Amino acid sequence: MERLKETGAMMGRLMQDMPTQLKNFSGFVKVAEAEGAIEEKTKHLMLLSLGVAFQCSWCIAIHVKGCVDQGSSKEEILEAAMMAVVMGGGPKLMYMEVVYEELDKYFPN
């Protein structure tokens, strides 16, 4: 949960220093991630893939949790993450380690 704690701490600081910007950004994210034409579970799987594609460890942590919270299986999460590898090759493959680190918190071996 370390990455999630780090993100929470940073967001808390931003809320103090830049409340208007953070509230506006957070509002946009909330609307964009809400169920619409695409179900929320699928959106989190897509966001996870994008987190791997952009090599963002914190994004991976946030969206693995989002996927789990929305009922995604370990297999669904891994397949979504691998879509970034399909498009990005070896550098993205290395971020599968971060995906596994986060998955192990929810799906212990």
N, C-alpha and C. Protein backbone atom coordinates (compact mmCIF):
# COMPACT_ATOMS: atom_id res chain seq x y z
N MET A 1 0.81 -1.20 0.00
CA MET A 1 0.00 0.00 0.00
C MET A 1 0.86 1.27 0.00
N GLU A 2 2.16 1.10 -0.06
CA GLU A 2 3.06 2.25 0.03
C GLU A 2 2.78 3.28 -1.07
N ARG A 3 2.63 2.83 -2.31
CA ARG A 3 2.38 3.77 -3.40
C ARG A 3 1.06 4.52 -3.19
N LEU A 4 0.05 3.82 -2.71
CA LEU A 4 -1.24 4.47 -2.47
C LEU A 4 -1.10 5.52 -1.36
N LYS A 5 -0.32 5.22 -0.33
CA LYS A 5 -0.09 6.19 0.75
C LYS A 5 0.66 7.41 0.22
N GLU A 6 1.66 7.17 -0.62
CA GLU A 6 2.43 8.28 -1.19
C GLU A 6 1.51 9.19 -2.01
N THR A 7 0.65 8.59 -2.80
CA THR A 7 -0.27 9.37 -3.63
C THR A 7 -1.22 10.17 -2.76
N GLY A 8 -1.75 9.53 -1.72
CA GLY A 8 -2.66 10.23 -0.81
C GLY A 8 -2.00 11.41 -0.13
N ALA A 9 -0.74 11.24 0.29
CA ALA A 9 -0.02 12.32 0.94
C ALA A 9 0.21 13.48 -0.02
N MET A 10 0.59 13.17 -1.24
CA MET A 10 0.82 14.21 -2.24
C MET A 10 -0.48 14.95 -2.56
N MET A 11 -1.57 14.21 -2.68
CA MET A 11 -2.86 14.85 -2.96
C MET A 11 -3.28 15.76 -1.81
N GLY A 12 -2.99 15.35 -0.58
CA GLY A 12 -3.29 16.19 0.57
C GLY A 12 -2.52 17.51 0.53
N ARG A 13 -1.26 17.44 0.16
CA ARG A 13 -0.46 18.66 0.04
C ARG A 13 -0.98 19.56 -1.07
N LEU A 14 -1.32 18.94 -2.20
CA LEU A 14 -1.87 19.74 -3.31
C LEU A 14 -3.19 20.40 -2.92
N MET A 15 -4.01 19.69 -2.14
CA MET A 15 -5.29 20.26 -1.72
C MET A 15 -5.06 21.51 -0.87
N GLN A 16 -4.01 21.52 -0.08
CA GLN A 16 -3.68 22.70 0.72
C GLN A 16 -3.12 23.83 -0.14
N ASP A 17 -2.23 23.48 -1.07
CA ASP A 17 -1.52 24.49 -1.85
C ASP A 17 -2.25 24.95 -3.10
N MET A 18 -3.04 24.07 -3.70
CA MET A 18 -3.72 24.39 -4.96
C MET A 18 -5.13 23.81 -4.97
N PRO A 19 -5.98 24.23 -4.03
CA PRO A 19 -7.29 23.59 -3.89
C PRO A 19 -8.18 23.73 -5.11
N THR A 20 -8.18 24.86 -5.75
CA THR A 20 -9.06 25.06 -6.91
C THR A 20 -8.67 24.14 -8.05
N GLN A 21 -7.39 24.09 -8.35
CA GLN A 21 -6.92 23.24 -9.44
C GLN A 21 -7.19 21.77 -9.16
N LEU A 22 -6.91 21.35 -7.93
CA LEU A 22 -7.10 19.94 -7.59
C LEU A 22 -8.58 19.57 -7.60
N LYS A 23 -9.43 20.43 -7.07
CA LYS A 23 -10.87 20.14 -7.07
C LYS A 23 -11.39 20.05 -8.50
N ASN A 24 -10.96 20.96 -9.37
CA ASN A 24 -11.42 20.92 -10.76
C ASN A 24 -10.92 19.65 -11.47
N PHE A 25 -9.66 19.32 -11.26
CA PHE A 25 -9.11 18.12 -11.88
C PHE A 25 -9.82 16.87 -11.33
N SER A 26 -9.98 16.81 -10.02
CA SER A 26 -10.64 15.65 -9.39
C SER A 26 -12.08 15.51 -9.87
N GLY A 27 -12.76 16.62 -10.04
CA GLY A 27 -14.13 16.58 -10.56
C GLY A 27 -14.18 16.00 -11.96
N PHE A 28 -13.25 16.42 -12.80
CA PHE A 28 -13.17 15.89 -14.16
C PHE A 28 -12.92 14.38 -14.14
N VAL A 29 -11.96 13.95 -13.31
CA VAL A 29 -11.62 12.53 -13.23
C VAL A 29 -12.84 11.73 -12.77
N LYS A 30 -13.54 12.23 -11.77
CA LYS A 30 -14.71 11.52 -11.25
C LYS A 30 -15.76 11.33 -12.35
N VAL A 31 -16.02 12.36 -13.11
CA VAL A 31 -17.00 12.27 -14.20
C VAL A 31 -16.50 11.33 -15.29
N ALA A 32 -15.23 11.45 -15.66
CA ALA A 32 -14.67 10.61 -16.74
C ALA A 32 -14.66 9.13 -16.36
N GLU A 33 -14.41 8.83 -15.08
CA GLU A 33 -14.34 7.43 -14.65
C GLU A 33 -15.70 6.82 -14.33
N ALA A 34 -16.73 7.64 -14.22
CA ALA A 34 -18.06 7.13 -13.88
C ALA A 34 -18.61 6.27 -15.02
N GLU A 35 -19.48 5.36 -14.63
CA GLU A 35 -20.11 4.49 -15.62
C GLU A 35 -20.91 5.33 -16.61
N GLY A 36 -20.76 5.00 -17.86
CA GLY A 36 -21.49 5.66 -18.94
C GLY A 36 -21.68 4.63 -20.04
N ALA A 37 -21.27 4.96 -21.24
CA ALA A 37 -21.33 4.01 -22.34
C ALA A 37 -20.39 2.83 -22.08
N ILE A 38 -19.33 3.08 -21.32
CA ILE A 38 -18.38 2.03 -20.93
C ILE A 38 -18.52 1.80 -19.43
N GLU A 39 -18.62 0.54 -19.02
CA GLU A 39 -18.78 0.25 -17.60
C GLU A 39 -17.51 0.60 -16.83
N GLU A 40 -17.71 0.92 -15.56
CA GLU A 40 -16.62 1.39 -14.70
C GLU A 40 -15.47 0.38 -14.61
N LYS A 41 -15.79 -0.90 -14.53
CA LYS A 41 -14.76 -1.93 -14.47
C LYS A 41 -13.85 -1.86 -15.69
N THR A 42 -14.44 -1.73 -16.86
CA THR A 42 -13.67 -1.66 -18.09
C THR A 42 -12.81 -0.40 -18.12
N LYS A 43 -13.34 0.70 -17.62
CA LYS A 43 -12.56 1.94 -17.58
C LYS A 43 -11.33 1.77 -16.70
N HIS A 44 -11.46 1.09 -15.57
CA HIS A 44 -10.29 0.88 -14.71
C HIS A 44 -9.27 -0.03 -15.38
N LEU A 45 -9.72 -1.03 -16.11
CA LEU A 45 -8.80 -1.89 -16.85
C LEU A 45 -8.07 -1.08 -17.92
N MET A 46 -8.79 -0.18 -18.58
CA MET A 46 -8.16 0.69 -19.58
C MET A 46 -7.14 1.63 -18.92
N LEU A 47 -7.51 2.19 -17.78
CA LEU A 47 -6.61 3.10 -17.08
C LEU A 47 -5.36 2.37 -16.59
N LEU A 48 -5.51 1.13 -16.17
CA LEU A 48 -4.36 0.34 -15.78
C LEU A 48 -3.41 0.17 -16.96
N SER A 49 -3.97 -0.19 -18.11
CA SER A 49 -3.14 -0.35 -19.31
C SER A 49 -2.41 0.95 -19.64
N LEU A 50 -3.10 2.06 -19.51
CA LEU A 50 -2.46 3.35 -19.76
C LEU A 50 -1.38 3.66 -18.72
N GLY A 51 -1.61 3.26 -17.48
CA GLY A 51 -0.59 3.44 -16.44
C GLY A 51 0.69 2.69 -16.78
N VAL A 52 0.55 1.47 -17.29
CA VAL A 52 1.72 0.70 -17.73
C VAL A 52 2.35 1.39 -18.94
N ALA A 53 1.52 1.80 -19.89
CA ALA A 53 2.03 2.45 -21.11
C ALA A 53 2.83 3.71 -20.80
N PHE A 54 2.38 4.47 -19.81
CA PHE A 54 3.06 5.71 -19.45
C PHE A 54 4.10 5.50 -18.34
N GLN A 55 4.31 4.23 -17.95
CA GLN A 55 5.31 3.85 -16.96
C GLN A 55 5.14 4.64 -15.66
N CYS A 56 3.91 4.65 -15.15
CA CYS A 56 3.58 5.38 -13.93
C CYS A 56 3.25 4.38 -12.81
N SER A 57 4.22 4.14 -11.94
CA SER A 57 4.02 3.17 -10.85
C SER A 57 2.84 3.52 -9.96
N TRP A 58 2.67 4.81 -9.68
CA TRP A 58 1.56 5.25 -8.82
C TRP A 58 0.22 5.03 -9.52
N CYS A 59 0.17 5.29 -10.82
CA CYS A 59 -1.06 5.05 -11.59
C CYS A 59 -1.40 3.57 -11.59
N ILE A 60 -0.39 2.74 -11.73
CA ILE A 60 -0.60 1.29 -11.71
C ILE A 60 -1.21 0.89 -10.37
N ALA A 61 -0.65 1.38 -9.28
CA ALA A 61 -1.17 1.04 -7.95
C ALA A 61 -2.63 1.47 -7.80
N ILE A 62 -2.92 2.70 -8.20
CA ILE A 62 -4.28 3.23 -8.08
C ILE A 62 -5.26 2.40 -8.91
N HIS A 63 -4.87 2.05 -10.14
CA HIS A 63 -5.82 1.38 -11.02
C HIS A 63 -5.88 -0.13 -10.82
N VAL A 64 -4.83 -0.76 -10.27
CA VAL A 64 -4.98 -2.16 -9.85
C VAL A 64 -6.03 -2.20 -8.74
N LYS A 65 -5.93 -1.28 -7.78
CA LYS A 65 -6.93 -1.23 -6.72
C LYS A 65 -8.32 -0.97 -7.29
N GLY A 66 -8.43 -0.03 -8.24
CA GLY A 66 -9.72 0.25 -8.88
C GLY A 66 -10.28 -0.97 -9.58
N CYS A 67 -9.41 -1.70 -10.26
CA CYS A 67 -9.85 -2.93 -10.94
C CYS A 67 -10.36 -3.95 -9.94
N VAL A 68 -9.61 -4.14 -8.86
CA VAL A 68 -10.03 -5.09 -7.82
C VAL A 68 -11.34 -4.65 -7.20
N ASP A 69 -11.45 -3.36 -6.89
CA ASP A 69 -12.69 -2.83 -6.29
C ASP A 69 -13.89 -3.03 -7.21
N GLN A 70 -13.66 -3.05 -8.52
CA GLN A 70 -14.75 -3.23 -9.48
C GLN A 70 -14.97 -4.71 -9.83
N GLY A 71 -14.25 -5.61 -9.16
CA GLY A 71 -14.49 -7.04 -9.34
C GLY A 71 -13.68 -7.70 -10.44
N SER A 72 -12.63 -7.05 -10.92
CA SER A 72 -11.79 -7.67 -11.94
C SER A 72 -11.01 -8.84 -11.35
N SER A 73 -10.83 -9.87 -12.15
CA SER A 73 -10.02 -11.01 -11.73
C SER A 73 -8.55 -10.70 -11.98
N LYS A 74 -7.68 -11.49 -11.37
CA LYS A 74 -6.25 -11.33 -11.59
C LYS A 74 -5.94 -11.49 -13.08
N GLU A 75 -6.59 -12.43 -13.73
CA GLU A 75 -6.36 -12.68 -15.15
C GLU A 75 -6.77 -11.48 -16.01
N GLU A 76 -7.91 -10.88 -15.69
CA GLU A 76 -8.36 -9.69 -16.43
C GLU A 76 -7.36 -8.54 -16.27
N ILE A 77 -6.88 -8.37 -15.06
CA ILE A 77 -5.93 -7.29 -14.78
C ILE A 77 -4.63 -7.51 -15.55
N LEU A 78 -4.13 -8.74 -15.54
CA LEU A 78 -2.90 -9.03 -16.27
C LEU A 78 -3.08 -8.84 -17.78
N GLU A 79 -4.20 -9.28 -18.31
CA GLU A 79 -4.45 -9.11 -19.75
C GLU A 79 -4.53 -7.64 -20.13
N ALA A 80 -5.19 -6.85 -19.31
CA ALA A 80 -5.29 -5.42 -19.60
C ALA A 80 -3.91 -4.78 -19.57
N ALA A 81 -3.10 -5.13 -18.58
CA ALA A 81 -1.75 -4.57 -18.48
C ALA A 81 -0.90 -4.99 -19.68
N MET A 82 -1.07 -6.21 -20.14
CA MET A 82 -0.28 -6.70 -21.27
C MET A 82 -0.61 -5.97 -22.58
N MET A 83 -1.76 -5.33 -22.67
CA MET A 83 -2.08 -4.58 -23.88
C MET A 83 -1.10 -3.42 -24.07
N ALA A 84 -0.61 -2.87 -22.96
CA ALA A 84 0.41 -1.82 -23.05
C ALA A 84 1.71 -2.41 -23.58
N VAL A 85 2.00 -3.64 -23.19
CA VAL A 85 3.22 -4.30 -23.65
C VAL A 85 3.11 -4.56 -25.15
N VAL A 86 1.94 -4.96 -25.62
CA VAL A 86 1.73 -5.19 -27.04
C VAL A 86 2.12 -3.94 -27.85
N MET A 87 1.72 -2.79 -27.35
CA MET A 87 1.97 -1.54 -28.08
C MET A 87 3.35 -0.94 -27.77
N GLY A 88 3.92 -1.25 -26.60
CA GLY A 88 5.14 -0.57 -26.19
C GLY A 88 6.38 -1.42 -26.06
N GLY A 89 6.24 -2.74 -26.17
CA GLY A 89 7.40 -3.61 -26.15
C GLY A 89 8.08 -3.75 -24.80
N GLY A 90 9.39 -3.98 -24.87
CA GLY A 90 10.20 -4.28 -23.70
C GLY A 90 10.12 -3.30 -22.55
N PRO A 91 10.22 -1.98 -22.81
CA PRO A 91 10.15 -1.05 -21.68
C PRO A 91 8.83 -1.18 -20.90
N LYS A 92 7.75 -1.44 -21.58
CA LYS A 92 6.46 -1.60 -20.89
C LYS A 92 6.41 -2.94 -20.18
N LEU A 93 7.05 -3.96 -20.76
CA LEU A 93 7.09 -5.28 -20.14
C LEU A 93 7.72 -5.19 -18.75
N MET A 94 8.71 -4.34 -18.58
CA MET A 94 9.38 -4.20 -17.28
C MET A 94 8.42 -3.67 -16.20
N TYR A 95 7.39 -2.95 -16.60
CA TYR A 95 6.42 -2.42 -15.63
C TYR A 95 5.41 -3.48 -15.19
N MET A 96 5.46 -4.65 -15.81
CA MET A 96 4.63 -5.75 -15.33
C MET A 96 5.07 -6.16 -13.92
N GLU A 97 6.33 -5.89 -13.57
CA GLU A 97 6.80 -6.15 -12.20
C GLU A 97 6.01 -5.32 -11.20
N VAL A 98 5.75 -4.06 -11.53
CA VAL A 98 4.96 -3.20 -10.65
C VAL A 98 3.53 -3.73 -10.57
N VAL A 99 2.99 -4.17 -11.69
CA VAL A 99 1.64 -4.75 -11.69
C VAL A 99 1.60 -5.95 -10.74
N TYR A 100 2.60 -6.84 -10.83
CA TYR A 100 2.64 -8.00 -9.94
C TYR A 100 2.78 -7.59 -8.48
N GLU A 101 3.62 -6.58 -8.20
CA GLU A 101 3.76 -6.11 -6.81
C GLU A 101 2.42 -5.68 -6.25
N GLU A 102 1.65 -4.96 -7.05
CA GLU A 102 0.33 -4.50 -6.60
C GLU A 102 -0.67 -5.64 -6.54
N LEU A 103 -0.66 -6.52 -7.53
CA LEU A 103 -1.58 -7.67 -7.54
C LEU A 103 -1.38 -8.56 -6.32
N ASP A 104 -0.12 -8.74 -5.93
CA ASP A 104 0.16 -9.62 -4.79
C ASP A 104 -0.48 -9.11 -3.50
N LYS A 105 -0.81 -7.85 -3.44
CA LYS A 105 -1.49 -7.29 -2.26
C LYS A 105 -2.94 -7.75 -2.19
N TYR A 106 -3.51 -8.07 -3.34
CA TYR A 106 -4.94 -8.44 -3.41
C TYR A 106 -5.15 -9.92 -3.72
N PHE A 107 -4.19 -10.51 -4.42
CA PHE A 107 -4.28 -11.92 -4.82
C PHE A 107 -3.00 -12.64 -4.39
N PRO A 108 -2.85 -12.92 -3.10
CA PRO A 108 -1.62 -13.61 -2.65
C PRO A 108 -1.54 -15.01 -3.23
N ASN A 109 -0.32 -15.43 -3.49
CA ASN A 109 -0.10 -16.78 -4.06
C ASN A 109 -0.41 -17.87 -3.09
